[in-house]
Amino acid sequence: MDKRDDDTYFHDHYENGRESSDVLVAAPPVSRPRGDHRERREAIAAAAAQLIATRGLEQVTLRSVAAEGPPGMERLHAVVTAVLPVDRDRRTLWRLLMAFLGNAVATPALRRVQERRMGRWYDLYRYTLAPLRDVGAIPGDADIARMGKALALFVEGMSIHVVMTSPTASAAWQEAFAREQVRRLVTG
């Protein structure tokens, strides 16, 4: 796996029907959220961010994030915004990740770690998207694997951009921009 690029990993992992059973679990039923949606979304995003901050992205399972998340598109938005560099702690985590990414270019062992990390992100987004397709919130013929990869790449790209070139970007701006882009990615 040393010499495989992300597209090869992605193709082998998803398009050939193999899935990572240790991270992909059955999706819970999607129900209509009740109550204050913003408050609920913020609570779930904070809980997901806390899980990532305390356990690290490599240790957070889909089950633990899903258990914290609201249903439907709100779950997708919560998962996306939970890892954005909206506060000092998450900006620090992104700086650390970027340092590892730089070293991974020339270090095969670190590259494999990054490939696994991105595979987990693809799984996370794919897992979050599948119930949306099942209930008609996104087109029934949507390519969930491709859409999951697009979301993961968007989040990583936006986060790197914010840390590197827009360190004063507010949490509100990041969340609003992410919401708009996620909507475009999943609904067209």
C-alpha atoms as a PDB file:
ATOM      1  CA  MET A   1       0.000   0.000   0.000  1.00  0.00           C
ATOM      2  CA  ASP A   2       3.079   2.263   0.147  1.00  0.00           C
ATOM      3  CA  LYS A   3       2.880   3.420  -3.447  1.00  0.00           C
ATOM      4  CA  ARG A   4      -0.886   3.770  -3.832  1.00  0.00           C
ATOM      5  CA  ASP A   5      -2.366   7.182  -4.227  1.00  0.00           C
ATOM      6  CA  ASP A   6      -5.633   8.363  -2.697  1.00  0.00           C
ATOM      7  CA  ASP A   7      -7.648   7.566  -5.822  1.00  0.00           C
ATOM      8  CA  THR A   8      -6.315   4.003  -5.872  1.00  0.00           C
ATOM      9  CA  TYR A   9      -7.139   3.603  -2.177  1.00  0.00           C
ATOM     10  CA  PHE A  10     -10.564   5.078  -2.771  1.00  0.00           C
ATOM     11  CA  HIS A  11     -11.221   2.861  -5.807  1.00  0.00           C
ATOM     12  CA  ASP A  12     -10.063  -0.328  -4.086  1.00  0.00           C
ATOM     13  CA  HIS A  13     -11.807   0.496  -0.834  1.00  0.00           C
ATOM     14  CA  TYR A  14     -15.194   1.532  -2.189  1.00  0.00           C
ATOM     15  CA  GLU A  15     -15.705   0.865  -5.862  1.00  0.00           C
ATOM     16  CA  ASN A  16     -14.611  -2.762  -5.537  1.00  0.00           C
ATOM     17  CA  GLY A  17     -17.184  -3.253  -2.812  1.00  0.00           C
ATOM     18  CA  ARG A  18     -14.823  -3.625   0.111  1.00  0.00           C
ATOM     19  CA  GLU A  19     -15.747  -1.652   3.170  1.00  0.00           C
ATOM     20  CA  SER A  20     -13.984  -1.156   6.441  1.00  0.00           C
ATOM     21  CA  SER A  21     -16.190  -3.163   8.798  1.00  0.00           C
ATOM     22  CA  ASP A  22     -14.454  -1.772  11.852  1.00  0.00           C
ATOM     23  CA  VAL A  23     -15.707   1.731  11.099  1.00  0.00           C
ATOM     24  CA  LEU A  24     -18.794   1.288   8.936  1.00  0.00           C
ATOM     25  CA  VAL A  25     -21.845   0.348  10.976  1.00  0.00           C
ATOM     26  CA  ALA A  26     -25.524   0.154  10.198  1.00  0.00           C
ATOM     27  CA  ALA A  27     -27.129   3.558   9.950  1.00  0.00           C
ATOM     28  CA  PRO A  28     -29.733   4.355  12.584  1.00  0.00           C
ATOM     29  CA  PRO A  29     -33.210   5.203  11.360  1.00  0.00           C
ATOM     30  CA  VAL A  30     -33.684   8.821  10.346  1.00  0.00           C
ATOM     31  CA  SER A  31     -36.450  10.625  12.164  1.00  0.00           C
ATOM     32  CA  ARG A  32     -37.690  14.175  12.074  1.00  0.00           C
ATOM     33  CA  PRO A  33     -35.933  16.348  14.690  1.00  0.00           C
ATOM     34  CA  ARG A  34     -38.048  18.117  17.245  1.00  0.00           C
ATOM     35  CA  GLY A  35     -37.396  21.217  19.302  1.00  0.00           C
ATOM     36  CA  ASP A  36     -34.824  23.950  18.835  1.00  0.00           C
ATOM     37  CA  HIS A  37     -32.808  22.841  15.810  1.00  0.00           C
ATOM     38  CA  ARG A  38     -30.025  25.396  16.230  1.00  0.00           C
ATOM     39  CA  GLU A  39     -29.544  24.523  19.872  1.00  0.00           C
ATOM     40  CA  ARG A  40     -29.536  20.826  19.094  1.00  0.00           C
ATOM     41  CA  ARG A  41     -27.118  21.275  16.178  1.00  0.00           C
ATOM     42  CA  GLU A  42     -24.765  23.321  18.332  1.00  0.00           C
ATOM     43  CA  ALA A  43     -24.892  20.766  21.141  1.00  0.00           C
ATOM     44  CA  ILE A  44     -24.151  17.896  18.777  1.00  0.00           C
ATOM     45  CA  ALA A  45     -21.389  19.791  16.975  1.00  0.00           C
ATOM     46  CA  ALA A  46     -19.842  20.610  20.336  1.00  0.00           C
ATOM     47  CA  ALA A  47     -20.123  16.990  21.475  1.00  0.00           C
ATOM     48  CA  ALA A  48     -18.588  15.700  18.230  1.00  0.00           C
ATOM     49  CA  ALA A  49     -15.795  18.256  18.460  1.00  0.00           C
ATOM     50  CA  GLN A  50     -15.200  17.252  22.069  1.00  0.00           C
ATOM     51  CA  LEU A  51     -14.999  13.583  21.072  1.00  0.00           C
ATOM     52  CA  ILE A  52     -12.459  14.432  18.376  1.00  0.00           C
ATOM     53  CA  ALA A  53     -10.512  16.769  20.657  1.00  0.00           C
ATOM     54  CA  THR A  54     -10.350  14.314  23.557  1.00  0.00           C
ATOM     55  CA  ARG A  55      -9.964  11.026  21.677  1.00  0.00           C
ATOM     56  CA  GLY A  56      -8.348  12.308  18.501  1.00  0.00           C
ATOM     57  CA  LEU A  57      -9.767  11.806  15.035  1.00  0.00           C
ATOM     58  CA  GLU A  58      -8.171   8.354  14.749  1.00  0.00           C
ATOM     59  CA  GLN A  59      -9.960   7.130  17.890  1.00  0.00           C
ATOM     60  CA  VAL A  60     -13.459   8.473  17.238  1.00  0.00           C
ATOM     61  CA  THR A  61     -15.716   5.834  15.743  1.00  0.00           C
ATOM     62  CA  LEU A  62     -18.662   6.336  13.468  1.00  0.00           C
ATOM     63  CA  ARG A  63     -20.854   4.863  16.167  1.00  0.00           C
ATOM     64  CA  SER A  64     -19.732   7.466  18.728  1.00  0.00           C
ATOM     65  CA  VAL A  65     -20.286  10.367  16.304  1.00  0.00           C
ATOM     66  CA  ALA A  66     -23.625   8.982  15.130  1.00  0.00           C
ATOM     67  CA  ALA A  67     -24.751   8.516  18.723  1.00  0.00           C
ATOM     68  CA  GLU A  68     -24.149  12.215  19.270  1.00  0.00           C
ATOM     69  CA  GLY A  69     -25.624  13.448  16.010  1.00  0.00           C
ATOM     70  CA  PRO A  70     -29.100  14.645  15.070  1.00  0.00           C
ATOM     71  CA  PRO A  71     -30.900  13.041  12.118  1.00  0.00           C
ATOM     72  CA  GLY A  72     -30.933  14.028   8.470  1.00  0.00           C
ATOM     73  CA  MET A  73     -29.145  16.987   6.936  1.00  0.00           C
ATOM     74  CA  GLU A  74     -28.580  18.430  10.382  1.00  0.00           C
ATOM     75  CA  ARG A  75     -26.447  15.401  11.222  1.00  0.00           C
ATOM     76  CA  LEU A  76     -24.419  15.964   8.073  1.00  0.00           C
ATOM     77  CA  HIS A  77     -23.914  19.641   8.906  1.00  0.00           C
ATOM     78  CA  ALA A  78     -22.973  18.778  12.496  1.00  0.00           C
ATOM     79  CA  VAL A  79     -20.385  16.231  11.323  1.00  0.00           C
ATOM     80  CA  VAL A  80     -18.898  18.723   8.848  1.00  0.00           C
ATOM     81  CA  THR A  81     -18.748  21.676  11.229  1.00  0.00           C
ATOM     82  CA  ALA A  82     -17.453  19.618  14.154  1.00  0.00           C
ATOM     83  CA  VAL A  83     -13.964  19.491  12.675  1.00  0.00           C
ATOM     84  CA  LEU A  84     -13.674  22.982  11.202  1.00  0.00           C
ATOM     85  CA  PRO A  85     -10.996  25.179  12.803  1.00  0.00           C
ATOM     86  CA  VAL A  86     -13.551  27.455  14.473  1.00  0.00           C
ATOM     87  CA  ASP A  87     -11.727  27.831  17.782  1.00  0.00           C
ATOM     88  CA  ARG A  88      -8.186  27.846  19.146  1.00  0.00           C
ATOM     89  CA  ASP A  89      -8.119  24.138  20.013  1.00  0.00           C
ATOM     90  CA  ARG A  90      -9.296  23.005  16.588  1.00  0.00           C
ATOM     91  CA  ARG A  91      -6.927  25.402  14.819  1.00  0.00           C
ATOM     92  CA  THR A  92      -4.098  23.862  16.831  1.00  0.00           C
ATOM     93  CA  LEU A  93      -5.233  20.366  15.826  1.00  0.00           C
ATOM     94  CA  TRP A  94      -5.280  21.411  12.167  1.00  0.00           C
ATOM     95  CA  ARG A  95      -1.766  22.865  12.441  1.00  0.00           C
ATOM     96  CA  LEU A  96      -0.566  19.560  13.868  1.00  0.00           C
ATOM     97  CA  LEU A  97      -2.306  17.625  11.123  1.00  0.00           C
ATOM     98  CA  MET A  98      -0.748  19.859   8.485  1.00  0.00           C
ATOM     99  CA  ALA A  99       2.710  19.227   9.968  1.00  0.00           C
ATOM    100  CA  PHE A 100       2.106  15.484   9.661  1.00  0.00           C
ATOM    101  CA  LEU A 101       0.776  15.897   6.119  1.00  0.00           C
ATOM    102  CA  GLY A 102       3.978  17.650   5.128  1.00  0.00           C
ATOM    103  CA  ASN A 103       6.084  14.816   6.514  1.00  0.00           C
ATOM    104  CA  ALA A 104       3.801  12.169   5.003  1.00  0.00           C
ATOM    105  CA  VAL A 105       4.779  13.246   1.510  1.00  0.00           C
ATOM    106  CA  ALA A 106       8.264  11.763   1.977  1.00  0.00           C
ATOM    107  CA  THR A 107       7.609   9.170   4.679  1.00  0.00           C
ATOM    108  CA  PRO A 108       5.733   6.020   3.597  1.00  0.00           C
ATOM    109  CA  ALA A 109       4.682   5.062   7.138  1.00  0.00           C
ATOM    110  CA  LEU A 110       3.139   8.501   7.758  1.00  0.00           C
ATOM    111  CA  ARG A 111       1.516   8.391   4.326  1.00  0.00           C
ATOM    112  CA  ARG A 112      -0.209   5.125   5.268  1.00  0.00           C
ATOM    113  CA  VAL A 113      -1.491   6.750   8.465  1.00  0.00           C
ATOM    114  CA  GLN A 114      -2.904   9.643   6.430  1.00  0.00           C
ATOM    115  CA  GLU A 115      -4.483   7.235   3.921  1.00  0.00           C
ATOM    116  CA  ARG A 116      -6.235   5.442   6.782  1.00  0.00           C
ATOM    117  CA  ARG A 117      -7.336   8.745   8.302  1.00  0.00           C
ATOM    118  CA  MET A 118      -8.825   9.892   5.010  1.00  0.00           C
ATOM    119  CA  GLY A 119     -10.466   6.493   4.545  1.00  0.00           C
ATOM    120  CA  ARG A 120     -12.182   6.972   7.893  1.00  0.00           C
ATOM    121  CA  TRP A 121     -13.359  10.404   6.809  1.00  0.00           C
ATOM    122  CA  TYR A 122     -14.766   8.954   3.583  1.00  0.00           C
ATOM    123  CA  ASP A 123     -16.531   6.297   5.667  1.00  0.00           C
ATOM    124  CA  LEU A 124     -17.882   8.877   8.090  1.00  0.00           C
ATOM    125  CA  TYR A 125     -19.379  11.053   5.380  1.00  0.00           C
ATOM    126  CA  ARG A 126     -20.640   8.076   3.396  1.00  0.00           C
ATOM    127  CA  TYR A 127     -22.279   6.680   6.527  1.00  0.00           C
ATOM    128  CA  THR A 128     -23.904  10.037   7.232  1.00  0.00           C
ATOM    129  CA  LEU A 129     -25.117  10.416   3.632  1.00  0.00           C
ATOM    130  CA  ALA A 130     -26.652   6.948   3.157  1.00  0.00           C
ATOM    131  CA  PRO A 131     -29.779   7.588   5.277  1.00  0.00           C
ATOM    132  CA  LEU A 132     -30.355  10.864   3.418  1.00  0.00           C
ATOM    133  CA  ARG A 133     -30.532   8.970   0.144  1.00  0.00           C
ATOM    134  CA  ASP A 134     -32.780   6.358   1.726  1.00  0.00           C
ATOM    135  CA  VAL A 135     -35.374   8.963   2.754  1.00  0.00           C
ATOM    136  CA  GLY A 136     -35.146  10.980  -0.480  1.00  0.00           C
ATOM    137  CA  ALA A 137     -33.314  14.009   0.945  1.00  0.00           C
ATOM    138  CA  ILE A 138     -30.716  13.508  -1.788  1.00  0.00           C
ATOM    139  CA  PRO A 139     -31.232  11.836  -5.176  1.00  0.00           C
ATOM    140  CA  GLY A 140     -31.749   8.073  -5.081  1.00  0.00           C
ATOM    141  CA  ASP A 141     -29.064   7.536  -7.706  1.00  0.00           C
ATOM    142  CA  ALA A 142     -26.503   9.648  -5.830  1.00  0.00           C
ATOM    143  CA  ASP A 143     -23.021   8.143  -5.700  1.00  0.00           C
ATOM    144  CA  ILE A 144     -22.596   8.170  -1.921  1.00  0.00           C
ATOM    145  CA  ALA A 145     -18.937   7.083  -2.034  1.00  0.00           C
ATOM    146  CA  ARG A 146     -18.022   9.890  -4.420  1.00  0.00           C
ATOM    147  CA  MET A 147     -20.095  12.395  -2.470  1.00  0.00           C
ATOM    148  CA  GLY A 148     -18.422  11.310   0.791  1.00  0.00           C
ATOM    149  CA  LYS A 149     -15.005  11.794  -0.731  1.00  0.00           C
ATOM    150  CA  ALA A 150     -16.021  15.237  -2.023  1.00  0.00           C
ATOM    151  CA  LEU A 151     -17.200  16.272   1.454  1.00  0.00           C
ATOM    152  CA  ALA A 152     -13.996  15.038   3.094  1.00  0.00           C
ATOM    153  CA  LEU A 153     -11.874  16.887   0.538  1.00  0.00           C
ATOM    154  CA  PHE A 154     -13.956  20.051   0.967  1.00  0.00           C
ATOM    155  CA  VAL A 155     -13.610  20.016   4.762  1.00  0.00           C
ATOM    156  CA  GLU A 156      -9.885  19.375   4.624  1.00  0.00           C
ATOM    157  CA  GLY A 157      -9.305  22.016   1.951  1.00  0.00           C
ATOM    158  CA  MET A 158     -11.406  24.639   3.699  1.00  0.00           C
ATOM    159  CA  SER A 159      -9.774  23.935   7.047  1.00  0.00           C
ATOM    160  CA  ILE A 160      -6.253  24.183   5.618  1.00  0.00           C
ATOM    161  CA  HIS A 161      -7.213  27.404   3.843  1.00  0.00           C
ATOM    162  CA  VAL A 162      -8.587  28.948   7.033  1.00  0.00           C
ATOM    163  CA  VAL A 163      -5.531  27.995   9.095  1.00  0.00           C
ATOM    164  CA  MET A 164      -3.020  29.073   6.443  1.00  0.00           C
ATOM    165  CA  THR A 165      -4.547  32.163   4.871  1.00  0.00           C
ATOM    166  CA  SER A 166      -7.592  33.283   6.872  1.00  0.00           C
ATOM    167  CA  PRO A 167      -6.757  32.855  10.560  1.00  0.00           C
ATOM    168  CA  THR A 168      -9.334  35.466  11.556  1.00  0.00           C
ATOM    169  CA  ALA A 169     -12.236  33.738   9.779  1.00  0.00           C
ATOM    170  CA  SER A 170     -15.021  33.602  12.331  1.00  0.00           C
ATOM    171  CA  ALA A 171     -16.784  30.436  13.400  1.00  0.00           C
ATOM    172  CA  ALA A 172     -20.053  31.873  12.077  1.00  0.00           C
ATOM    173  CA  TRP A 173     -18.539  32.515   8.636  1.00  0.00           C
ATOM    174  CA  GLN A 174     -16.960  29.049   8.475  1.00  0.00           C
ATOM    175  CA  GLU A 175     -20.192  27.332   9.483  1.00  0.00           C
ATOM    176  CA  ALA A 176     -22.314  29.367   7.051  1.00  0.00           C
ATOM    177  CA  PHE A 177     -19.890  28.792   4.186  1.00  0.00           C
ATOM    178  CA  ALA A 178     -19.669  25.073   4.984  1.00  0.00           C
ATOM    179  CA  ARG A 179     -23.472  24.789   5.111  1.00  0.00           C
ATOM    180  CA  GLU A 180     -23.775  26.437   1.686  1.00  0.00           C
ATOM    181  CA  GLN A 181     -21.083  24.249   0.120  1.00  0.00           C
ATOM    182  CA  VAL A 182     -22.405  21.039   1.675  1.00  0.00           C
ATOM    183  CA  ARG A 183     -25.849  21.827   0.287  1.00  0.00           C
ATOM    184  CA  ARG A 184     -24.329  22.335  -3.166  1.00  0.00           C
ATOM    185  CA  LEU A 185     -22.294  19.133  -2.959  1.00  0.00           C
ATOM    186  CA  VAL A 186     -25.172  16.913  -1.902  1.00  0.00           C
ATOM    187  CA  THR A 187     -28.196  18.454  -3.609  1.00  0.00           C
ATOM    188  CA  GLY A 188     -26.663  20.046  -6.690  1.00  0.00           C
END
